[in-house]
Amino acid sequence: MTLVLVLGDIHIPQRAADIPAKFRKLLVPGKIDQILCTGNLTDRATYEYLRSITPDLYITRGEFDDRGQNYPISARVQQQELTIGLVSGHYMVPSNGDVDGLAGVARQMDVDVLVTGNTHRFEAYEEQGRFFINPGSITGGWGALEMNPVPSFVLMEVKGRQLVVYVYQLVNDEVVVDRIEYRKNEE
């Protein structure tokens, strides 16, 4: 089993002061194998914090990331029997998490799972035989589509062709966890 932290739309210090303390307590070194970040990792201290959790870190460029960071627009990551695509989503038209647009990107990238950001709201669903995840904003930083988003992130357990997604949301100052499962169809 591989444990993958999925997060994005961080926006520190522009739109949020920090990652909520109740989330930080859960994200400790030695438990998480890999991090996928959908972008808008706008400060060095948060980057170093994520690297302290695990050095296996993939980041794609969000619209507010410093161009000097050289984060790619997209990334493909192989996790056991699943191919995972990672994009910020801000360059897509429309950029609002449109299902058909995301399905097209997943086909183009030839991935089983597509992780995207930009909307600042959590979503996870299966469509056209692929699984789609938007971890939302871990800080709850506002965005064009969500003025008061619920802070959220995702932990994914990868077991062969199976993905167990745990979404963590900070609701009324309490951490709420939901579980979703996806299994890649046999070829």
N, C-alpha and C. Protein backbone atom coordinates (compact mmCIF):
# COMPACT_ATOMS: atom_id res chain seq x y z
N MET A 1 0.84 -1.19 0.00
CA MET A 1 0.00 0.00 0.00
C MET A 1 0.88 1.25 0.00
N THR A 2 0.48 2.23 -0.79
CA THR A 2 1.16 3.53 -0.85
C THR A 2 0.18 4.60 -0.39
N LEU A 3 0.64 5.50 0.48
CA LEU A 3 -0.20 6.59 0.97
C LEU A 3 0.25 7.89 0.32
N VAL A 4 -0.68 8.54 -0.40
CA VAL A 4 -0.39 9.75 -1.17
C VAL A 4 -1.24 10.90 -0.63
N LEU A 5 -0.57 12.00 -0.27
CA LEU A 5 -1.26 13.23 0.14
C LEU A 5 -1.52 14.06 -1.11
N VAL A 6 -2.76 14.49 -1.28
CA VAL A 6 -3.16 15.32 -2.42
C VAL A 6 -3.71 16.63 -1.87
N LEU A 7 -3.12 17.74 -2.34
CA LEU A 7 -3.53 19.05 -1.84
C LEU A 7 -3.27 20.10 -2.90
N GLY A 8 -3.73 21.31 -2.64
CA GLY A 8 -3.48 22.40 -3.58
C GLY A 8 -4.15 23.69 -3.17
N ASP A 9 -4.05 24.67 -4.06
CA ASP A 9 -4.63 25.99 -3.86
C ASP A 9 -4.35 26.51 -2.46
N ILE A 10 -3.05 26.58 -2.14
CA ILE A 10 -2.59 26.90 -0.79
C ILE A 10 -2.63 28.41 -0.54
N HIS A 11 -2.07 29.19 -1.43
CA HIS A 11 -2.17 30.66 -1.40
C HIS A 11 -1.74 31.31 -0.09
N ILE A 12 -0.63 30.85 0.49
CA ILE A 12 -0.08 31.50 1.69
C ILE A 12 0.99 32.47 1.23
N PRO A 13 1.05 33.69 1.63
CA PRO A 13 0.21 34.41 2.59
C PRO A 13 -0.89 35.25 1.93
N GLN A 14 -1.03 35.17 0.62
CA GLN A 14 -1.95 36.07 -0.09
C GLN A 14 -3.41 35.91 0.32
N ARG A 15 -3.86 34.67 0.53
CA ARG A 15 -5.29 34.44 0.81
C ARG A 15 -5.53 33.68 2.11
N ALA A 16 -4.48 33.19 2.73
CA ALA A 16 -4.61 32.46 3.99
C ALA A 16 -3.31 32.60 4.77
N ALA A 17 -3.41 32.58 6.09
CA ALA A 17 -2.23 32.75 6.94
C ALA A 17 -1.39 31.47 7.01
N ASP A 18 -2.04 30.30 7.02
CA ASP A 18 -1.31 29.05 7.20
C ASP A 18 -2.25 27.87 6.91
N ILE A 19 -1.67 26.69 6.86
CA ILE A 19 -2.45 25.45 6.84
C ILE A 19 -3.05 25.31 8.23
N PRO A 20 -4.35 25.01 8.35
CA PRO A 20 -4.96 24.89 9.67
C PRO A 20 -4.19 23.94 10.60
N ALA A 21 -4.06 24.33 11.86
CA ALA A 21 -3.31 23.54 12.85
C ALA A 21 -3.86 22.13 12.98
N LYS A 22 -5.16 21.97 12.88
CA LYS A 22 -5.76 20.63 13.00
C LYS A 22 -5.37 19.74 11.83
N PHE A 23 -5.08 20.32 10.67
CA PHE A 23 -4.57 19.55 9.54
C PHE A 23 -3.08 19.25 9.73
N ARG A 24 -2.31 20.23 10.18
CA ARG A 24 -0.87 20.04 10.38
C ARG A 24 -0.59 18.88 11.33
N LYS A 25 -1.44 18.73 12.36
CA LYS A 25 -1.25 17.63 13.32
C LYS A 25 -1.37 16.27 12.66
N LEU A 26 -2.15 16.20 11.60
CA LEU A 26 -2.37 14.93 10.89
C LEU A 26 -1.27 14.62 9.87
N LEU A 27 -0.58 15.65 9.40
CA LEU A 27 0.39 15.51 8.30
C LEU A 27 1.80 15.48 8.87
N VAL A 28 2.23 14.28 9.26
CA VAL A 28 3.53 14.14 9.91
C VAL A 28 4.47 13.30 9.06
N PRO A 29 5.78 13.57 9.17
CA PRO A 29 6.76 12.78 8.42
C PRO A 29 6.72 11.31 8.82
N GLY A 30 7.05 10.46 7.86
CA GLY A 30 7.17 9.03 8.13
C GLY A 30 5.93 8.22 7.85
N LYS A 31 4.81 8.85 7.56
CA LYS A 31 3.58 8.12 7.29
C LYS A 31 3.15 8.24 5.82
N ILE A 32 3.45 9.37 5.21
CA ILE A 32 3.01 9.66 3.84
C ILE A 32 4.17 9.37 2.89
N ASP A 33 3.85 8.61 1.81
CA ASP A 33 4.89 8.19 0.86
C ASP A 33 5.13 9.20 -0.25
N GLN A 34 4.11 9.94 -0.62
CA GLN A 34 4.22 10.85 -1.77
C GLN A 34 3.22 11.98 -1.60
N ILE A 35 3.56 13.15 -2.18
CA ILE A 35 2.64 14.30 -2.19
C ILE A 35 2.42 14.73 -3.63
N LEU A 36 1.15 14.97 -3.96
CA LEU A 36 0.76 15.55 -5.24
C LEU A 36 0.12 16.90 -4.93
N CYS A 37 0.67 17.97 -5.50
CA CYS A 37 0.18 19.32 -5.24
C CYS A 37 -0.28 19.95 -6.56
N THR A 38 -1.53 20.42 -6.58
CA THR A 38 -2.11 20.98 -7.80
C THR A 38 -1.70 22.42 -8.07
N GLY A 39 -0.81 22.97 -7.27
CA GLY A 39 -0.30 24.31 -7.54
C GLY A 39 -0.77 25.35 -6.55
N ASN A 40 -0.32 26.58 -6.84
CA ASN A 40 -0.53 27.73 -5.96
C ASN A 40 0.11 27.50 -4.59
N LEU A 41 1.32 26.93 -4.67
CA LEU A 41 2.20 26.76 -3.51
C LEU A 41 3.10 28.00 -3.53
N THR A 42 2.60 29.07 -2.96
CA THR A 42 3.16 30.40 -3.22
C THR A 42 4.20 30.88 -2.21
N ASP A 43 4.59 30.03 -1.26
CA ASP A 43 5.64 30.47 -0.33
C ASP A 43 6.63 29.35 -0.05
N ARG A 44 7.86 29.74 0.19
CA ARG A 44 8.96 28.79 0.41
C ARG A 44 8.78 27.96 1.68
N ALA A 45 8.28 28.58 2.75
CA ALA A 45 8.13 27.86 4.03
C ALA A 45 7.17 26.67 3.89
N THR A 46 6.09 26.83 3.15
CA THR A 46 5.15 25.73 2.95
C THR A 46 5.78 24.64 2.09
N TYR A 47 6.54 25.04 1.08
CA TYR A 47 7.27 24.06 0.27
C TYR A 47 8.20 23.23 1.16
N GLU A 48 8.95 23.88 2.03
CA GLU A 48 9.87 23.16 2.93
C GLU A 48 9.11 22.26 3.89
N TYR A 49 7.96 22.73 4.38
CA TYR A 49 7.12 21.91 5.25
C TYR A 49 6.69 20.64 4.52
N LEU A 50 6.22 20.76 3.28
CA LEU A 50 5.80 19.58 2.51
C LEU A 50 6.97 18.64 2.27
N ARG A 51 8.15 19.20 1.96
CA ARG A 51 9.35 18.36 1.76
C ARG A 51 9.74 17.64 3.05
N SER A 52 9.41 18.21 4.21
CA SER A 52 9.73 17.54 5.47
C SER A 52 8.80 16.34 5.71
N ILE A 53 7.62 16.36 5.10
CA ILE A 53 6.69 15.23 5.22
C ILE A 53 7.20 14.07 4.38
N THR A 54 7.59 14.36 3.15
CA THR A 54 8.21 13.36 2.26
C THR A 54 8.93 14.10 1.14
N PRO A 55 10.11 13.64 0.76
CA PRO A 55 10.81 14.29 -0.36
C PRO A 55 10.22 13.93 -1.72
N ASP A 56 9.33 12.92 -1.77
CA ASP A 56 8.70 12.50 -3.03
C ASP A 56 7.51 13.41 -3.29
N LEU A 57 7.79 14.54 -3.93
CA LEU A 57 6.83 15.63 -4.07
C LEU A 57 6.69 16.03 -5.53
N TYR A 58 5.45 15.99 -6.03
CA TYR A 58 5.14 16.45 -7.39
C TYR A 58 4.27 17.69 -7.27
N ILE A 59 4.67 18.75 -7.96
CA ILE A 59 3.93 20.02 -7.93
C ILE A 59 3.71 20.48 -9.36
N THR A 60 2.47 20.87 -9.68
CA THR A 60 2.23 21.51 -10.97
C THR A 60 1.99 22.99 -10.74
N ARG A 61 2.23 23.76 -11.78
CA ARG A 61 2.19 25.22 -11.67
C ARG A 61 0.75 25.74 -11.68
N GLY A 62 0.41 26.47 -10.64
CA GLY A 62 -0.86 27.18 -10.58
C GLY A 62 -0.66 28.59 -11.12
N GLU A 63 -1.75 29.29 -11.33
CA GLU A 63 -1.65 30.62 -11.94
C GLU A 63 -0.96 31.65 -11.06
N PHE A 64 -0.81 31.38 -9.75
CA PHE A 64 -0.16 32.33 -8.86
C PHE A 64 1.22 31.86 -8.39
N ASP A 65 1.70 30.77 -8.94
CA ASP A 65 3.05 30.31 -8.60
C ASP A 65 4.09 31.15 -9.31
N ASP A 66 5.20 31.34 -8.67
CA ASP A 66 6.33 32.07 -9.24
C ASP A 66 6.87 31.30 -10.44
N ARG A 67 6.94 31.95 -11.58
CA ARG A 67 7.44 31.29 -12.79
C ARG A 67 8.88 30.79 -12.63
N GLY A 68 9.62 31.38 -11.71
CA GLY A 68 10.99 30.95 -11.46
C GLY A 68 11.09 29.58 -10.83
N GLN A 69 9.98 29.06 -10.30
CA GLN A 69 9.99 27.73 -9.67
C GLN A 69 10.08 26.61 -10.70
N ASN A 70 9.72 26.89 -11.93
CA ASN A 70 9.78 25.90 -13.00
C ASN A 70 8.93 24.66 -12.74
N TYR A 71 7.79 24.83 -12.07
CA TYR A 71 6.88 23.71 -11.92
C TYR A 71 6.26 23.43 -13.28
N PRO A 72 6.06 22.17 -13.63
CA PRO A 72 5.45 21.86 -14.93
C PRO A 72 3.95 22.15 -14.91
N ILE A 73 3.36 22.26 -16.08
CA ILE A 73 1.91 22.46 -16.21
C ILE A 73 1.17 21.18 -15.84
N SER A 74 1.77 20.03 -16.13
CA SER A 74 1.13 18.75 -15.81
C SER A 74 2.20 17.73 -15.45
N ALA A 75 1.76 16.65 -14.81
CA ALA A 75 2.67 15.56 -14.47
C ALA A 75 1.90 14.24 -14.54
N ARG A 76 2.60 13.18 -14.88
CA ARG A 76 2.05 11.81 -14.84
C ARG A 76 2.86 11.03 -13.83
N VAL A 77 2.15 10.35 -12.94
CA VAL A 77 2.80 9.59 -11.87
C VAL A 77 2.25 8.17 -11.89
N GLN A 78 3.14 7.19 -11.88
CA GLN A 78 2.71 5.80 -11.82
C GLN A 78 2.71 5.35 -10.36
N GLN A 79 1.57 4.89 -9.90
CA GLN A 79 1.43 4.33 -8.56
C GLN A 79 0.86 2.94 -8.70
N GLN A 80 1.74 1.96 -8.55
CA GLN A 80 1.35 0.56 -8.71
C GLN A 80 0.68 0.38 -10.07
N GLU A 81 -0.59 -0.05 -10.11
CA GLU A 81 -1.25 -0.30 -11.39
C GLU A 81 -2.08 0.89 -11.88
N LEU A 82 -1.94 2.02 -11.21
CA LEU A 82 -2.70 3.21 -11.60
C LEU A 82 -1.77 4.30 -12.13
N THR A 83 -2.17 4.93 -13.22
CA THR A 83 -1.47 6.10 -13.73
C THR A 83 -2.29 7.32 -13.32
N ILE A 84 -1.61 8.24 -12.63
CA ILE A 84 -2.28 9.43 -12.09
C ILE A 84 -1.78 10.66 -12.83
N GLY A 85 -2.72 11.48 -13.31
CA GLY A 85 -2.38 12.75 -13.93
C GLY A 85 -2.59 13.86 -12.92
N LEU A 86 -1.75 14.88 -13.00
CA LEU A 86 -1.81 16.00 -12.06
C LEU A 86 -1.75 17.30 -12.86
N VAL A 87 -2.75 18.17 -12.66
CA VAL A 87 -2.79 19.48 -13.30
C VAL A 87 -3.40 20.49 -12.34
N SER A 88 -3.07 21.76 -12.53
CA SER A 88 -3.71 22.80 -11.74
C SER A 88 -5.14 23.02 -12.21
N GLY A 89 -5.31 23.12 -13.50
CA GLY A 89 -6.64 23.31 -14.07
C GLY A 89 -6.94 24.74 -14.48
N HIS A 90 -6.09 25.69 -14.10
CA HIS A 90 -6.39 27.09 -14.40
C HIS A 90 -6.31 27.42 -15.88
N TYR A 91 -5.58 26.63 -16.65
CA TYR A 91 -5.42 26.90 -18.07
C TYR A 91 -6.50 26.24 -18.92
N MET A 92 -7.33 25.41 -18.31
CA MET A 92 -8.36 24.70 -19.07
C MET A 92 -9.53 25.62 -19.38
N VAL A 93 -10.21 25.34 -20.48
CA VAL A 93 -11.38 26.12 -20.86
C VAL A 93 -12.56 25.16 -20.99
N PRO A 94 -13.60 25.29 -20.18
CA PRO A 94 -13.67 26.21 -19.05
C PRO A 94 -12.82 25.70 -17.88
N SER A 95 -12.47 26.61 -16.98
CA SER A 95 -11.58 26.27 -15.87
C SER A 95 -12.35 26.03 -14.57
N ASN A 96 -13.61 25.69 -14.69
CA ASN A 96 -14.46 25.54 -13.51
C ASN A 96 -14.69 24.10 -13.09
N GLY A 97 -13.84 23.18 -13.55
CA GLY A 97 -14.02 21.78 -13.20
C GLY A 97 -15.04 21.07 -14.08
N ASP A 98 -15.28 21.59 -15.28
CA ASP A 98 -16.22 21.01 -16.24
C ASP A 98 -15.90 19.54 -16.48
N VAL A 99 -16.88 18.67 -16.30
CA VAL A 99 -16.68 17.22 -16.39
C VAL A 99 -16.15 16.80 -17.77
N ASP A 100 -16.75 17.31 -18.84
CA ASP A 100 -16.32 16.93 -20.18
C ASP A 100 -14.90 17.42 -20.47
N GLY A 101 -14.58 18.63 -20.01
CA GLY A 101 -13.23 19.15 -20.19
C GLY A 101 -12.20 18.32 -19.45
N LEU A 102 -12.52 17.95 -18.22
CA LEU A 102 -11.60 17.12 -17.44
C LEU A 102 -11.45 15.73 -18.05
N ALA A 103 -12.55 15.17 -18.56
CA ALA A 103 -12.47 13.86 -19.21
C ALA A 103 -11.57 13.92 -20.43
N GLY A 104 -11.63 15.01 -21.17
CA GLY A 104 -10.75 15.18 -22.33
C GLY A 104 -9.29 15.25 -21.93
N VAL A 105 -8.99 15.96 -20.86
CA VAL A 105 -7.61 16.04 -20.37
C VAL A 105 -7.13 14.66 -19.91
N ALA A 106 -7.99 13.92 -19.21
CA ALA A 106 -7.62 12.58 -18.75
C ALA A 106 -7.33 11.66 -19.93
N ARG A 107 -8.13 11.74 -20.98
CA ARG A 107 -7.87 10.93 -22.18
C ARG A 107 -6.57 11.34 -22.84
N GLN A 108 -6.36 12.64 -22.98
CA GLN A 108 -5.14 13.15 -23.62
C GLN A 108 -3.89 12.72 -22.84
N MET A 109 -3.98 12.75 -21.51
CA MET A 109 -2.83 12.36 -20.68
C MET A 109 -2.74 10.84 -20.53
N ASP A 110 -3.79 10.12 -20.95
CA ASP A 110 -3.87 8.67 -20.83
C ASP A 110 -3.65 8.22 -19.39
N VAL A 111 -4.52 8.72 -18.49
CA VAL A 111 -4.41 8.41 -17.07
C VAL A 111 -5.70 7.76 -16.57
N ASP A 112 -5.55 6.99 -15.50
CA ASP A 112 -6.70 6.35 -14.85
C ASP A 112 -7.36 7.30 -13.86
N VAL A 113 -6.53 8.13 -13.23
CA VAL A 113 -6.98 9.06 -12.21
C VAL A 113 -6.46 10.44 -12.60
N LEU A 114 -7.34 11.45 -12.58
CA LEU A 114 -6.90 12.82 -12.85
C LEU A 114 -7.13 13.66 -11.59
N VAL A 115 -6.05 14.26 -11.11
CA VAL A 115 -6.10 15.17 -9.96
C VAL A 115 -5.97 16.58 -10.50
N THR A 116 -6.91 17.44 -10.14
CA THR A 116 -6.91 18.81 -10.63
C THR A 116 -7.29 19.77 -9.51
N GLY A 117 -6.96 21.02 -9.68
CA GLY A 117 -7.27 22.03 -8.68
C GLY A 117 -8.03 23.18 -9.31
N ASN A 118 -7.78 24.37 -8.80
CA ASN A 118 -8.28 25.64 -9.32
C ASN A 118 -9.64 26.04 -8.80
N THR A 119 -10.54 25.12 -8.51
CA THR A 119 -11.88 25.51 -8.08
C THR A 119 -11.97 25.80 -6.59
N HIS A 120 -10.99 25.34 -5.82
CA HIS A 120 -10.95 25.52 -4.36
C HIS A 120 -12.05 24.74 -3.64
N ARG A 121 -12.65 23.76 -4.31
CA ARG A 121 -13.67 22.93 -3.64
C ARG A 121 -13.40 21.46 -3.93
N PHE A 122 -13.60 20.64 -2.91
CA PHE A 122 -13.39 19.21 -3.05
C PHE A 122 -14.43 18.59 -3.97
N GLU A 123 -13.95 17.68 -4.81
CA GLU A 123 -14.82 16.84 -5.63
C GLU A 123 -14.11 15.53 -5.88
N ALA A 124 -14.87 14.44 -5.96
CA ALA A 124 -14.33 13.14 -6.36
C ALA A 124 -15.47 12.34 -6.99
N TYR A 125 -15.22 11.84 -8.19
CA TYR A 125 -16.26 11.09 -8.89
C TYR A 125 -15.62 10.26 -10.00
N GLU A 126 -16.38 9.25 -10.45
CA GLU A 126 -15.97 8.42 -11.57
C GLU A 126 -16.77 8.85 -12.79
N GLU A 127 -16.08 8.93 -13.92
CA GLU A 127 -16.72 9.33 -15.17
C GLU A 127 -15.95 8.68 -16.32
N GLN A 128 -16.67 8.05 -17.24
CA GLN A 128 -16.07 7.45 -18.43
C GLN A 128 -14.93 6.49 -18.07
N GLY A 129 -15.11 5.73 -16.99
CA GLY A 129 -14.13 4.72 -16.59
C GLY A 129 -12.89 5.27 -15.92
N ARG A 130 -12.86 6.56 -15.63
CA ARG A 130 -11.72 7.20 -14.96
C ARG A 130 -12.20 7.85 -13.67
N PHE A 131 -11.25 8.13 -12.79
CA PHE A 131 -11.60 8.74 -11.51
C PHE A 131 -11.02 10.14 -11.46
N PHE A 132 -11.80 11.09 -10.94
CA PHE A 132 -11.41 12.49 -10.90
C PHE A 132 -11.43 12.98 -9.45
N ILE A 133 -10.36 13.69 -9.07
CA ILE A 133 -10.25 14.22 -7.72
C ILE A 133 -9.81 15.67 -7.79
N ASN A 134 -10.52 16.51 -7.06
CA ASN A 134 -10.07 17.87 -6.80
C ASN A 134 -10.00 17.98 -5.28
N PRO A 135 -8.79 18.15 -4.72
CA PRO A 135 -8.67 18.16 -3.27
C PRO A 135 -9.20 19.42 -2.60
N GLY A 136 -9.55 20.43 -3.38
CA GLY A 136 -9.99 21.71 -2.81
C GLY A 136 -8.79 22.52 -2.36
N SER A 137 -9.01 23.44 -1.45
CA SER A 137 -7.94 24.30 -0.91
C SER A 137 -7.65 23.87 0.52
N ILE A 138 -6.41 23.44 0.78
CA ILE A 138 -6.06 22.98 2.13
C ILE A 138 -6.15 24.11 3.16
N THR A 139 -5.98 25.34 2.73
CA THR A 139 -6.04 26.48 3.66
C THR A 139 -7.44 27.09 3.74
N GLY A 140 -8.29 26.78 2.76
CA GLY A 140 -9.59 27.44 2.68
C GLY A 140 -9.48 28.82 2.07
N GLY A 141 -8.37 29.07 1.37
CA GLY A 141 -8.18 30.35 0.69
C GLY A 141 -9.25 30.55 -0.38
N TRP A 142 -9.78 31.76 -0.46
CA TRP A 142 -10.84 32.04 -1.42
C TRP A 142 -10.34 31.94 -2.85
N GLY A 143 -11.28 31.70 -3.75
CA GLY A 143 -10.99 31.64 -5.17
C GLY A 143 -12.12 32.29 -5.95
N ALA A 144 -11.95 32.40 -7.25
CA ALA A 144 -12.96 33.05 -8.09
C ALA A 144 -14.30 32.33 -8.04
N LEU A 145 -14.28 31.01 -7.86
CA LEU A 145 -15.52 30.24 -7.85
C LEU A 145 -16.04 29.97 -6.45
N GLU A 146 -15.20 30.14 -5.44
CA GLU A 146 -15.58 29.87 -4.06
C GLU A 146 -15.03 30.97 -3.17
N MET A 147 -15.90 31.81 -2.65
CA MET A 147 -15.45 32.90 -1.78
C MET A 147 -15.14 32.44 -0.36
N ASN A 148 -15.81 31.39 0.10
CA ASN A 148 -15.58 30.86 1.45
C ASN A 148 -15.47 29.34 1.40
N PRO A 149 -14.42 28.81 0.74
CA PRO A 149 -14.33 27.36 0.62
C PRO A 149 -14.05 26.68 1.96
N VAL A 150 -14.49 25.45 2.05
CA VAL A 150 -14.20 24.61 3.21
C VAL A 150 -12.78 24.09 3.04
N PRO A 151 -11.89 24.32 4.00
CA PRO A 151 -10.52 23.79 3.89
C PRO A 151 -10.58 22.26 3.75
N SER A 152 -9.79 21.72 2.81
CA SER A 152 -9.83 20.28 2.57
C SER A 152 -8.54 19.79 1.94
N PHE A 153 -8.28 18.51 2.14
CA PHE A 153 -7.21 17.79 1.45
C PHE A 153 -7.62 16.34 1.35
N VAL A 154 -6.83 15.55 0.61
CA VAL A 154 -7.15 14.15 0.37
C VAL A 154 -5.94 13.30 0.71
N LEU A 155 -6.19 12.15 1.32
CA LEU A 155 -5.19 11.09 1.43
C LEU A 155 -5.70 9.93 0.60
N MET A 156 -4.83 9.42 -0.28
CA MET A 156 -5.19 8.28 -1.13
C MET A 156 -4.35 7.08 -0.74
N GLU A 157 -5.01 5.96 -0.51
CA GLU A 157 -4.33 4.67 -0.34
C GLU A 157 -4.38 3.98 -1.68
N VAL A 158 -3.22 3.66 -2.22
CA VAL A 158 -3.16 2.96 -3.50
C VAL A 158 -2.77 1.52 -3.21
N LYS A 159 -3.63 0.59 -3.68
CA LYS A 159 -3.39 -0.84 -3.51
C LYS A 159 -3.63 -1.50 -4.85
N GLY A 160 -2.57 -1.66 -5.65
CA GLY A 160 -2.73 -2.26 -6.97
C GLY A 160 -3.59 -1.42 -7.87
N ARG A 161 -4.77 -1.94 -8.23
CA ARG A 161 -5.73 -1.23 -9.09
C ARG A 161 -6.77 -0.46 -8.29
N GLN A 162 -6.69 -0.55 -6.97
CA GLN A 162 -7.70 0.07 -6.11
C GLN A 162 -7.18 1.34 -5.46
N LEU A 163 -8.09 2.30 -5.35
CA LEU A 163 -7.79 3.57 -4.73
C LEU A 163 -8.84 3.81 -3.64
N VAL A 164 -8.38 4.06 -2.42
CA VAL A 164 -9.28 4.45 -1.34
C VAL A 164 -8.94 5.90 -1.02
N VAL A 165 -9.93 6.75 -1.18
CA VAL A 165 -9.76 8.19 -1.01
C VAL A 165 -10.39 8.60 0.31
N TYR A 166 -9.60 9.27 1.14
CA TYR A 166 -10.11 9.84 2.38
C TYR A 166 -10.04 11.36 2.23
N VAL A 167 -11.19 12.01 2.28
CA VAL A 167 -11.21 13.47 2.19
C VAL A 167 -11.35 14.02 3.60
N TYR A 168 -10.48 14.95 3.92
CA TYR A 168 -10.47 15.63 5.21
C TYR A 168 -10.97 17.05 5.00
N GLN A 169 -12.02 17.43 5.72
CA GLN A 169 -12.57 18.77 5.61
C GLN A 169 -12.68 19.37 7.01
N LEU A 170 -12.40 20.67 7.10
CA LEU A 170 -12.51 21.38 8.37
C LEU A 170 -13.86 22.10 8.38
N VAL A 171 -14.82 21.50 9.09
CA VAL A 171 -16.19 22.01 9.13
C VAL A 171 -16.50 22.43 10.56
N ASN A 172 -16.83 23.71 10.74
CA ASN A 172 -17.12 24.24 12.08
C ASN A 172 -15.99 23.91 13.07
N ASP A 173 -14.76 24.07 12.60
CA ASP A 173 -13.55 23.85 13.39
C ASP A 173 -13.35 22.39 13.83
N GLU A 174 -14.04 21.46 13.17
CA GLU A 174 -13.86 20.03 13.43
C GLU A 174 -13.43 19.35 12.13
N VAL A 175 -12.50 18.39 12.24
CA VAL A 175 -12.07 17.64 11.07
C VAL A 175 -13.09 16.53 10.80
N VAL A 176 -13.66 16.54 9.60
CA VAL A 176 -14.62 15.54 9.16
C VAL A 176 -13.96 14.73 8.05
N VAL A 177 -14.07 13.41 8.14
CA VAL A 177 -13.42 12.53 7.16
C VAL A 177 -14.48 11.68 6.46
N ASP A 178 -14.41 11.65 5.14
CA ASP A 178 -15.27 10.78 4.34
C ASP A 178 -14.39 9.85 3.51
N ARG A 179 -14.94 8.72 3.13
CA ARG A 179 -14.19 7.70 2.38
C ARG A 179 -14.91 7.39 1.07
N ILE A 180 -14.11 7.29 0.00
CA ILE A 180 -14.63 6.96 -1.33
C ILE A 180 -13.69 5.92 -1.93
N GLU A 181 -14.23 4.95 -2.66
CA GLU A 181 -13.39 3.92 -3.28
C GLU A 181 -13.54 3.95 -4.80
N TYR A 182 -12.44 3.61 -5.46
CA TYR A 182 -12.41 3.48 -6.92
C TYR A 182 -11.56 2.25 -7.25
N ARG A 183 -12.00 1.49 -8.21
CA ARG A 183 -11.23 0.34 -8.69
C ARG A 183 -11.16 0.41 -10.21
N LYS A 184 -9.94 0.42 -10.71
CA LYS A 184 -9.72 0.43 -12.16
C LYS A 184 -10.26 -0.85 -12.77
N ASN A 185 -11.01 -0.71 -13.86
CA ASN A 185 -11.55 -1.89 -14.55
C ASN A 185 -10.43 -2.75 -15.10
N GLU A 186 -10.71 -4.04 -15.17
CA GLU A 186 -9.75 -4.98 -15.79
C GLU A 186 -9.65 -4.65 -17.27
N GLU A 187 -8.46 -4.76 -17.79
CA GLU A 187 -8.25 -4.45 -19.22
C GLU A 187 -8.81 -5.54 -20.09
